[in-house]
Amino acid sequence: LTVANDLLPLGYEVTIFEQYGVPGGLMRTNIPAF
């Protein structure tokens, strides 16, 4: 959400490796859904 959002418009090729089946990490698990 931060690095890719900033670098993609500048022409960088961005690859994100996520070890789980759903992206979001701590934002998905530690921030309450409300």
Full PDB file with SEQRES, HELIX, SHEET, SSBOND, CRYST1, ORIGX, SCALE, CONECT and MASTER records, all heavy atoms in Angstrom:
SEQRES   1 A   34  LEU THR VAL ALA ASN ASP LEU LEU PRO LEU GLY TYR GLU          
SEQRES   2 A   34  VAL THR ILE PHE GLU GLN TYR GLY VAL PRO GLY GLY LEU          
SEQRES   3 A   34  MET ARG THR ASN ILE PRO ALA PHE                              
HELIX    1 AA1 VAL A    3  LEU A    7  1                                   5    
HELIX    2 AA2 LEU A    8  LEU A   10  5                                   3    
HELIX    3 AA3 GLY A   25  ASN A   30  1                                   6    
CRYST1    1.000    1.000    1.000  90.00  90.00  90.00 P 1           1          
ORIGX1      1.000000  0.000000  0.000000        0.00000                         
ORIGX2      0.000000  1.000000  0.000000        0.00000                         
ORIGX3      0.000000  0.000000  1.000000        0.00000                         
SCALE1      1.000000  0.000000  0.000000        0.00000                         
SCALE2      0.000000  1.000000  0.000000        0.00000                         
SCALE3      0.000000  0.000000  1.000000        0.00000                         
ATOM      1  N   LEU A   1       0.799  -1.217   0.000  1.00  0.00           N  
ATOM      2  CA  LEU A   1       0.000   0.000   0.000  1.00  0.00           C  
ATOM      3  C   LEU A   1       0.833   1.270   0.000  1.00  0.00           C  
ATOM      4  O   LEU A   1       0.377   2.308  -0.449  1.00  0.00           O  
ATOM      5  CB  LEU A   1      -0.937   0.009   1.203  1.00  0.00           C  
ATOM      6  CG  LEU A   1      -1.979  -1.090   1.192  1.00  0.00           C  
ATOM      7  CD1 LEU A   1      -2.765  -1.092   2.497  1.00  0.00           C  
ATOM      8  CD2 LEU A   1      -2.912  -0.919   0.020  1.00  0.00           C  
ATOM      9  N   THR A   2       2.048   1.226   0.468  1.00  0.00           N  
ATOM     10  CA  THR A   2       2.852   2.435   0.528  1.00  0.00           C  
ATOM     11  C   THR A   2       3.942   2.456  -0.541  1.00  0.00           C  
ATOM     12  O   THR A   2       3.965   3.345  -1.384  1.00  0.00           O  
ATOM     13  CB  THR A   2       3.485   2.590   1.922  1.00  0.00           C  
ATOM     14  OG1 THR A   2       4.181   1.398   2.261  1.00  0.00           O  
ATOM     15  CG2 THR A   2       2.421   2.855   2.965  1.00  0.00           C  
ATOM     16  N   VAL A   3       4.820   1.491  -0.507  1.00  0.00           N  
ATOM     17  CA  VAL A   3       5.937   1.467  -1.444  1.00  0.00           C  
ATOM     18  C   VAL A   3       5.459   1.350  -2.883  1.00  0.00           C  
ATOM     19  O   VAL A   3       5.852   2.132  -3.746  1.00  0.00           O  
ATOM     20  CB  VAL A   3       6.908   0.310  -1.101  1.00  0.00           C  
ATOM     21  CG1 VAL A   3       7.989   0.176  -2.138  1.00  0.00           C  
ATOM     22  CG2 VAL A   3       7.514   0.522   0.270  1.00  0.00           C  
ATOM     23  N   ALA A   4       4.596   0.384  -3.148  1.00  0.00           N  
ATOM     24  CA  ALA A   4       4.128   0.171  -4.517  1.00  0.00           C  
ATOM     25  C   ALA A   4       3.343   1.378  -5.022  1.00  0.00           C  
ATOM     26  O   ALA A   4       3.510   1.795  -6.164  1.00  0.00           O  
ATOM     27  CB  ALA A   4       3.269  -1.082  -4.585  1.00  0.00           C  
ATOM     28  N   ASN A   5       2.526   1.944  -4.169  1.00  0.00           N  
ATOM     29  CA  ASN A   5       1.733   3.108  -4.552  1.00  0.00           C  
ATOM     30  C   ASN A   5       2.617   4.287  -4.940  1.00  0.00           C  
ATOM     31  O   ASN A   5       2.279   5.055  -5.837  1.00  0.00           O  
ATOM     32  CB  ASN A   5       0.792   3.502  -3.418  1.00  0.00           C  
ATOM     33  CG  ASN A   5      -0.204   4.548  -3.836  1.00  0.00           C  
ATOM     34  OD1 ASN A   5      -0.804   4.452  -4.894  1.00  0.00           O  
ATOM     35  ND2 ASN A   5      -0.379   5.549  -3.007  1.00  0.00           N  
ATOM     36  N   ASP A   6       3.747   4.428  -4.282  1.00  0.00           N  
ATOM     37  CA  ASP A   6       4.661   5.535  -4.576  1.00  0.00           C  
ATOM     38  C   ASP A   6       5.570   5.247  -5.769  1.00  0.00           C  
ATOM     39  O   ASP A   6       5.888   6.153  -6.540  1.00  0.00           O  
ATOM     40  CB  ASP A   6       5.521   5.855  -3.361  1.00  0.00           C  
ATOM     41  CG  ASP A   6       4.720   6.447  -2.206  1.00  0.00           C  
ATOM     42  OD1 ASP A   6       3.582   6.919  -2.455  1.00  0.00           O  
ATOM     43  OD2 ASP A   6       5.219   6.432  -1.071  1.00  0.00           O  
ATOM     44  N   LEU A   7       6.009   3.998  -5.916  1.00  0.00           N  
ATOM     45  CA  LEU A   7       7.010   3.684  -6.935  1.00  0.00           C  
ATOM     46  C   LEU A   7       6.446   3.295  -8.295  1.00  0.00           C  
ATOM     47  O   LEU A   7       7.099   3.527  -9.320  1.00  0.00           O  
ATOM     48  CB  LEU A   7       7.941   2.576  -6.430  1.00  0.00           C  
ATOM     49  CG  LEU A   7       8.811   2.953  -5.232  1.00  0.00           C  
ATOM     50  CD1 LEU A   7       9.686   1.786  -4.827  1.00  0.00           C  
ATOM     51  CD2 LEU A   7       9.655   4.168  -5.530  1.00  0.00           C  
ATOM     52  N   LEU A   8       5.266   2.711  -8.333  1.00  0.00           N  
ATOM     53  CA  LEU A   8       4.692   2.323  -9.626  1.00  0.00           C  
ATOM     54  C   LEU A   8       4.519   3.520 -10.567  1.00  0.00           C  
ATOM     55  O   LEU A   8       4.883   3.430 -11.740  1.00  0.00           O  
ATOM     56  CB  LEU A   8       3.364   1.588  -9.426  1.00  0.00           C  
ATOM     57  CG  LEU A   8       3.508   0.139  -8.958  1.00  0.00           C  
ATOM     58  CD1 LEU A   8       2.172  -0.404  -8.472  1.00  0.00           C  
ATOM     59  CD2 LEU A   8       4.069  -0.736 -10.061  1.00  0.00           C  
ATOM     60  N   PRO A   9       4.009   4.658 -10.095  1.00  0.00           N  
ATOM     61  CA  PRO A   9       3.879   5.807 -11.003  1.00  0.00           C  
ATOM     62  C   PRO A   9       5.224   6.357 -11.489  1.00  0.00           C  
ATOM     63  O   PRO A   9       5.290   7.046 -12.501  1.00  0.00           O  
ATOM     64  CB  PRO A   9       3.149   6.861 -10.161  1.00  0.00           C  
ATOM     65  CG  PRO A   9       2.463   6.096  -9.093  1.00  0.00           C  
ATOM     66  CD  PRO A   9       3.342   4.912  -8.825  1.00  0.00           C  
ATOM     67  N   LEU A  10       6.298   6.025 -10.759  1.00  0.00           N  
ATOM     68  CA  LEU A  10       7.639   6.486 -11.155  1.00  0.00           C  
ATOM     69  C   LEU A  10       8.313   5.535 -12.134  1.00  0.00           C  
ATOM     70  O   LEU A  10       9.452   5.753 -12.525  1.00  0.00           O  
ATOM     71  CB  LEU A  10       8.524   6.660  -9.915  1.00  0.00           C  
ATOM     72  CG  LEU A  10       8.052   7.709  -8.917  1.00  0.00           C  
ATOM     73  CD1 LEU A  10       8.947   7.701  -7.689  1.00  0.00           C  
ATOM     74  CD2 LEU A  10       8.008   9.087  -9.550  1.00  0.00           C  
ATOM     75  N   GLY A  11       7.623   4.443 -12.499  1.00  0.00           N  
ATOM     76  CA  GLY A  11       8.143   3.534 -13.506  1.00  0.00           C  
ATOM     77  C   GLY A  11       8.857   2.304 -12.987  1.00  0.00           C  
ATOM     78  O   GLY A  11       9.408   1.537 -13.774  1.00  0.00           O  
ATOM     79  N   TYR A  12       8.871   2.111 -11.676  1.00  0.00           N  
ATOM     80  CA  TYR A  12       9.515   0.921 -11.119  1.00  0.00           C  
ATOM     81  C   TYR A  12       8.637  -0.299 -11.329  1.00  0.00           C  
ATOM     82  O   TYR A  12       7.414  -0.210 -11.316  1.00  0.00           O  
ATOM     83  CB  TYR A  12       9.759   1.093  -9.619  1.00  0.00           C  
ATOM     84  CG  TYR A  12      10.855   2.055  -9.287  1.00  0.00           C  
ATOM     85  CD1 TYR A  12      10.613   3.422  -9.201  1.00  0.00           C  
ATOM     86  CD2 TYR A  12      12.148   1.609  -9.061  1.00  0.00           C  
ATOM     87  CE1 TYR A  12      11.620   4.315  -8.894  1.00  0.00           C  
ATOM     88  CE2 TYR A  12      13.168   2.494  -8.756  1.00  0.00           C  
ATOM     89  CZ  TYR A  12      12.897   3.838  -8.668  1.00  0.00           C  
ATOM     90  OH  TYR A  12      13.897   4.715  -8.366  1.00  0.00           O  
ATOM     91  N   GLU A  13       9.274  -1.454 -11.504  1.00  0.00           N  
ATOM     92  CA  GLU A  13       8.584  -2.731 -11.542  1.00  0.00           C  
ATOM     93  C   GLU A  13       8.571  -3.256 -10.112  1.00  0.00           C  
ATOM     94  O   GLU A  13       9.622  -3.469  -9.519  1.00  0.00           O  
ATOM     95  CB  GLU A  13       9.364  -3.702 -12.429  1.00  0.00           C  
ATOM     96  CG  GLU A  13       8.548  -4.396 -13.465  1.00  0.00           C  
ATOM     97  CD  GLU A  13       9.405  -5.304 -14.303  1.00  0.00           C  
ATOM     98  OE1 GLU A  13      10.123  -4.772 -15.165  1.00  0.00           O  
ATOM     99  OE2 GLU A  13       9.360  -6.526 -14.078  1.00  0.00           O  
ATOM    100  N   VAL A  14       7.381  -3.456  -9.542  1.00  0.00           N  
ATOM    101  CA  VAL A  14       7.262  -3.838  -8.139  1.00  0.00           C  
ATOM    102  C   VAL A  14       6.698  -5.253  -8.032  1.00  0.00           C  
ATOM    103  O   VAL A  14       5.649  -5.557  -8.596  1.00  0.00           O  
ATOM    104  CB  VAL A  14       6.356  -2.850  -7.372  1.00  0.00           C  
ATOM    105  CG1 VAL A  14       6.211  -3.270  -5.921  1.00  0.00           C  
ATOM    106  CG2 VAL A  14       6.908  -1.433  -7.467  1.00  0.00           C  
ATOM    107  N   THR A  15       7.415  -6.111  -7.292  1.00  0.00           N  
ATOM    108  CA  THR A  15       6.956  -7.471  -7.005  1.00  0.00           C  
ATOM    109  C   THR A  15       6.795  -7.601  -5.506  1.00  0.00           C  
ATOM    110  O   THR A  15       7.706  -7.245  -4.750  1.00  0.00           O  
ATOM    111  CB  THR A  15       7.960  -8.520  -7.511  1.00  0.00           C  
ATOM    112  OG1 THR A  15       8.155  -8.325  -8.914  1.00  0.00           O  
ATOM    113  CG2 THR A  15       7.466  -9.931  -7.251  1.00  0.00           C  
ATOM    114  N   ILE A  16       5.636  -8.066  -5.069  1.00  0.00           N  
ATOM    115  CA  ILE A  16       5.363  -8.238  -3.644  1.00  0.00           C  
ATOM    116  C   ILE A  16       5.248  -9.721  -3.345  1.00  0.00           C  
ATOM    117  O   ILE A  16       4.463 -10.426  -3.980  1.00  0.00           O  
ATOM    118  CB  ILE A  16       4.064  -7.524  -3.229  1.00  0.00           C  
ATOM    119  CG1 ILE A  16       4.188  -6.028  -3.483  1.00  0.00           C  
ATOM    120  CG2 ILE A  16       3.741  -7.767  -1.767  1.00  0.00           C  
ATOM    121  CD1 ILE A  16       3.386  -5.571  -4.625  1.00  0.00           C  
ATOM    122  N   PHE A  17       6.043 -10.198  -2.399  1.00  0.00           N  
ATOM    123  CA  PHE A  17       6.003 -11.592  -1.967  1.00  0.00           C  
ATOM    124  C   PHE A  17       5.243 -11.664  -0.648  1.00  0.00           C  
ATOM    125  O   PHE A  17       5.652 -11.056   0.338  1.00  0.00           O  
ATOM    126  CB  PHE A  17       7.418 -12.140  -1.768  1.00  0.00           C  
ATOM    127  CG  PHE A  17       8.214 -12.199  -3.034  1.00  0.00           C  
ATOM    128  CD1 PHE A  17       9.069 -11.164  -3.388  1.00  0.00           C  
ATOM    129  CD2 PHE A  17       8.107 -13.292  -3.883  1.00  0.00           C  
ATOM    130  CE1 PHE A  17       9.804 -11.215  -4.559  1.00  0.00           C  
ATOM    131  CE2 PHE A  17       8.842 -13.349  -5.057  1.00  0.00           C  
ATOM    132  CZ  PHE A  17       9.688 -12.307  -5.388  1.00  0.00           C  
ATOM    133  N   GLU A  18       4.133 -12.380  -0.634  1.00  0.00           N  
ATOM    134  CA  GLU A  18       3.331 -12.565   0.576  1.00  0.00           C  
ATOM    135  C   GLU A  18       3.269 -14.052   0.874  1.00  0.00           C  
ATOM    136  O   GLU A  18       2.870 -14.836   0.013  1.00  0.00           O  
ATOM    137  CB  GLU A  18       1.933 -11.992   0.376  1.00  0.00           C  
ATOM    138  CG  GLU A  18       0.960 -12.293   1.489  1.00  0.00           C  
ATOM    139  CD  GLU A  18       1.418 -11.771   2.842  1.00  0.00           C  
ATOM    140  OE1 GLU A  18       1.731 -10.575   2.964  1.00  0.00           O  
ATOM    141  OE2 GLU A  18       1.473 -12.596   3.775  1.00  0.00           O  
ATOM    142  N   GLN A  19       3.673 -14.437   2.085  1.00  0.00           N  
ATOM    143  CA  GLN A  19       3.723 -15.860   2.410  1.00  0.00           C  
ATOM    144  C   GLN A  19       2.345 -16.469   2.655  1.00  0.00           C  
ATOM    145  O   GLN A  19       2.187 -17.675   2.616  1.00  0.00           O  
ATOM    146  CB  GLN A  19       4.623 -16.108   3.609  1.00  0.00           C  
ATOM    147  CG  GLN A  19       4.106 -15.588   4.924  1.00  0.00           C  
ATOM    148  CD  GLN A  19       5.037 -15.935   6.069  1.00  0.00           C  
ATOM    149  OE1 GLN A  19       5.872 -16.822   5.940  1.00  0.00           O  
ATOM    150  NE2 GLN A  19       4.900 -15.238   7.170  1.00  0.00           N  
ATOM    151  N   TYR A  20       1.348 -15.644   2.875  1.00  0.00           N  
ATOM    152  CA  TYR A  20       0.002 -16.153   3.122  1.00  0.00           C  
ATOM    153  C   TYR A  20      -0.860 -16.053   1.872  1.00  0.00           C  
ATOM    154  O   TYR A  20      -0.498 -15.419   0.900  1.00  0.00           O  
ATOM    155  CB  TYR A  20      -0.645 -15.392   4.282  1.00  0.00           C  
ATOM    156  CG  TYR A  20       0.145 -15.519   5.562  1.00  0.00           C  
ATOM    157  CD1 TYR A  20       0.801 -14.422   6.100  1.00  0.00           C  
ATOM    158  CD2 TYR A  20       0.272 -16.748   6.200  1.00  0.00           C  
ATOM    159  CE1 TYR A  20       1.556 -14.540   7.260  1.00  0.00           C  
ATOM    160  CE2 TYR A  20       1.020 -16.876   7.367  1.00  0.00           C  
ATOM    161  CZ  TYR A  20       1.658 -15.766   7.884  1.00  0.00           C  
ATOM    162  OH  TYR A  20       2.403 -15.900   9.021  1.00  0.00           O  
ATOM    163  N   GLY A  21      -2.038 -16.646   1.906  1.00  0.00           N  
ATOM    164  CA  GLY A  21      -2.932 -16.669   0.762  1.00  0.00           C  
ATOM    165  C   GLY A  21      -3.734 -15.395   0.561  1.00  0.00           C  
ATOM    166  O   GLY A  21      -4.391 -15.236  -0.451  1.00  0.00           O  
ATOM    167  N   VAL A  22      -3.672 -14.487   1.533  1.00  0.00           N  
ATOM    168  CA  VAL A  22      -4.423 -13.239   1.460  1.00  0.00           C  
ATOM    169  C   VAL A  22      -3.485 -12.091   1.836  1.00  0.00           C  
ATOM    170  O   VAL A  22      -2.801 -12.163   2.851  1.00  0.00           O  
ATOM    171  CB  VAL A  22      -5.620 -13.270   2.441  1.00  0.00           C  
ATOM    172  CG1 VAL A  22      -6.397 -11.976   2.399  1.00  0.00           C  
ATOM    173  CG2 VAL A  22      -6.521 -14.445   2.156  1.00  0.00           C  
ATOM    174  N   PRO A  23      -3.421 -11.041   1.037  1.00  0.00           N  
ATOM    175  CA  PRO A  23      -2.556  -9.919   1.384  1.00  0.00           C  
ATOM    176  C   PRO A  23      -3.179  -9.049   2.469  1.00  0.00           C  
ATOM    177  O   PRO A  23      -4.381  -9.052   2.667  1.00  0.00           O  
ATOM    178  CB  PRO A  23      -2.440  -9.143   0.070  1.00  0.00           C  
ATOM    179  CG  PRO A  23      -3.707  -9.439  -0.646  1.00  0.00           C  
ATOM    180  CD  PRO A  23      -4.068 -10.851  -0.262  1.00  0.00           C  
ATOM    181  N   GLY A  24      -2.363  -8.318   3.157  1.00  0.00           N  
ATOM    182  CA  GLY A  24      -2.861  -7.384   4.153  1.00  0.00           C  
ATOM    183  C   GLY A  24      -2.147  -7.492   5.487  1.00  0.00           C  
ATOM    184  O   GLY A  24      -2.110  -6.530   6.243  1.00  0.00           O  
ATOM    185  N   GLY A  25      -1.580  -8.649   5.772  1.00  0.00           N  
ATOM    186  CA  GLY A  25      -0.779  -8.844   6.972  1.00  0.00           C  
ATOM    187  C   GLY A  25      -1.401  -8.294   8.242  1.00  0.00           C  
ATOM    188  O   GLY A  25      -2.554  -8.567   8.557  1.00  0.00           O  
ATOM    189  N   LEU A  26      -0.626  -7.489   8.960  1.00  0.00           N  
ATOM    190  CA  LEU A  26      -1.076  -6.951  10.238  1.00  0.00           C  
ATOM    191  C   LEU A  26      -2.272  -6.022  10.088  1.00  0.00           C  
ATOM    192  O   LEU A  26      -3.086  -5.896  11.001  1.00  0.00           O  
ATOM    193  CB  LEU A  26       0.069  -6.212  10.937  1.00  0.00           C  
ATOM    194  CG  LEU A  26       1.221  -7.092  11.399  1.00  0.00           C  
ATOM    195  CD1 LEU A  26       2.341  -6.249  11.982  1.00  0.00           C  
ATOM    196  CD2 LEU A  26       0.736  -8.090  12.432  1.00  0.00           C  
ATOM    197  N   MET A  27      -2.381  -5.370   8.945  1.00  0.00           N  
ATOM    198  CA  MET A  27      -3.539  -4.500   8.738  1.00  0.00           C  
ATOM    199  C   MET A  27      -4.821  -5.326   8.736  1.00  0.00           C  
ATOM    200  O   MET A  27      -5.861  -4.875   9.196  1.00  0.00           O  
ATOM    201  CB  MET A  27      -3.400  -3.729   7.432  1.00  0.00           C  
ATOM    202  CG  MET A  27      -2.292  -2.704   7.477  1.00  0.00           C  
ATOM    203  SD  MET A  27      -2.016  -1.887   5.906  1.00  0.00           S  
ATOM    204  CE  MET A  27      -3.559  -1.067   5.652  1.00  0.00           C  
ATOM    205  N   ARG A  28      -4.744  -6.522   8.218  1.00  0.00           N  
ATOM    206  CA  ARG A  28      -5.925  -7.387   8.150  1.00  0.00           C  
ATOM    207  C   ARG A  28      -6.193  -8.071   9.493  1.00  0.00           C  
ATOM    208  O   ARG A  28      -7.341  -8.257   9.873  1.00  0.00           O  
ATOM    209  CB  ARG A  28      -5.732  -8.451   7.067  1.00  0.00           C  
ATOM    210  CG  ARG A  28      -6.981  -9.256   6.778  1.00  0.00           C  
ATOM    211  CD  ARG A  28      -6.802 -10.187   5.603  1.00  0.00           C  
ATOM    212  NE  ARG A  28      -6.532  -9.509   4.353  1.00  0.00           N  
ATOM    213  CZ  ARG A  28      -7.453  -8.963   3.569  1.00  0.00           C  
ATOM    214  NH1 ARG A  28      -8.716  -9.000   3.916  1.00  0.00           N  
ATOM    215  NH2 ARG A  28      -7.117  -8.388   2.433  1.00  0.00           N  
ATOM    216  N   THR A  29      -5.154  -8.449  10.222  1.00  0.00           N  
ATOM    217  CA  THR A  29      -5.347  -9.241  11.434  1.00  0.00           C  
ATOM    218  C   THR A  29      -5.398  -8.415  12.720  1.00  0.00           C  
ATOM    219  O   THR A  29      -6.034  -8.832  13.678  1.00  0.00           O  
ATOM    220  CB  THR A  29      -4.239 -10.296  11.579  1.00  0.00           C  
ATOM    221  OG1 THR A  29      -2.961  -9.638  11.635  1.00  0.00           O  
ATOM    222  CG2 THR A  29      -4.256 -11.273  10.421  1.00  0.00           C  
ATOM    223  N   ASN A  30      -4.730  -7.264  12.761  1.00  0.00           N  
ATOM    224  CA  ASN A  30      -4.627  -6.518  14.013  1.00  0.00           C  
ATOM    225  C   ASN A  30      -5.489  -5.271  14.091  1.00  0.00           C  
ATOM    226  O   ASN A  30      -5.621  -4.699  15.165  1.00  0.00           O  
ATOM    227  CB  ASN A  30      -3.182  -6.146  14.292  1.00  0.00           C  
ATOM    228  CG  ASN A  30      -2.351  -7.349  14.667  1.00  0.00           C  
ATOM    229  OD1 ASN A  30      -2.809  -8.478  14.590  1.00  0.00           O  
ATOM    230  ND2 ASN A  30      -1.127  -7.119  15.076  1.00  0.00           N  
ATOM    231  N   ILE A  31      -6.039  -4.824  12.984  1.00  0.00           N  
ATOM    232  CA  ILE A  31      -6.932  -3.671  13.011  1.00  0.00           C  
ATOM    233  C   ILE A  31      -8.360  -4.204  12.985  1.00  0.00           C  
ATOM    234  O   ILE A  31      -8.718  -4.951  12.071  1.00  0.00           O  
ATOM    235  CB  ILE A  31      -6.679  -2.721  11.820  1.00  0.00           C  
ATOM    236  CG1 ILE A  31      -5.246  -2.191  11.885  1.00  0.00           C  
ATOM    237  CG2 ILE A  31      -7.686  -1.581  11.823  1.00  0.00           C  
ATOM    238  CD1 ILE A  31      -4.850  -1.331  10.709  1.00  0.00           C  
ATOM    239  N   PRO A  32      -9.168  -3.837  13.987  1.00  0.00           N  
ATOM    240  CA  PRO A  32     -10.538  -4.357  14.034  1.00  0.00           C  
ATOM    241  C   PRO A  32     -11.337  -4.003  12.779  1.00  0.00           C  
ATOM    242  O   PRO A  32     -11.153  -2.926  12.199  1.00  0.00           O  
ATOM    243  CB  PRO A  32     -11.139  -3.670  15.261  1.00  0.00           C  
ATOM    244  CG  PRO A  32      -9.986  -3.167  16.053  1.00  0.00           C  
ATOM    245  CD  PRO A  32      -8.871  -2.937  15.090  1.00  0.00           C  
ATOM    246  N   ALA A  33     -12.213  -4.898  12.385  1.00  0.00           N  
ATOM    247  CA  ALA A  33     -13.002  -4.716  11.163  1.00  0.00           C  
ATOM    248  C   ALA A  33     -13.894  -3.478  11.214  1.00  0.00           C  
ATOM    249  O   ALA A  33     -14.189  -2.885  10.180  1.00  0.00           O  
ATOM    250  CB  ALA A  33     -13.843  -5.951  10.899  1.00  0.00           C  
ATOM    251  N   PHE A  34     -14.292  -3.048  12.414  1.00  0.00           N  
ATOM    252  CA  PHE A  34     -15.124  -1.849  12.477  1.00  0.00           C  
ATOM    253  C   PHE A  34     -14.308  -0.587  12.196  1.00  0.00           C  
ATOM    254  O   PHE A  34     -14.848   0.445  11.849  1.00  0.00           O  
ATOM    255  CB  PHE A  34     -15.870  -1.738  13.819  1.00  0.00           C  
ATOM    256  CG  PHE A  34     -14.990  -1.463  15.011  1.00  0.00           C  
ATOM    257  CD1 PHE A  34     -14.686  -0.164  15.388  1.00  0.00           C  
ATOM    258  CD2 PHE A  34     -14.483  -2.509  15.761  1.00  0.00           C  
ATOM    259  CE1 PHE A  34     -13.886   0.088  16.491  1.00  0.00           C  
ATOM    260  CE2 PHE A  34     -13.680  -2.271  16.864  1.00  0.00           C  
ATOM    261  CZ  PHE A  34     -13.379  -0.962  17.234  1.00  0.00           C  
TER     262      PHE A  34                                                      
MASTER        0    0    0    3    0    0    0    6  261    1    0    3          
END                                                                             
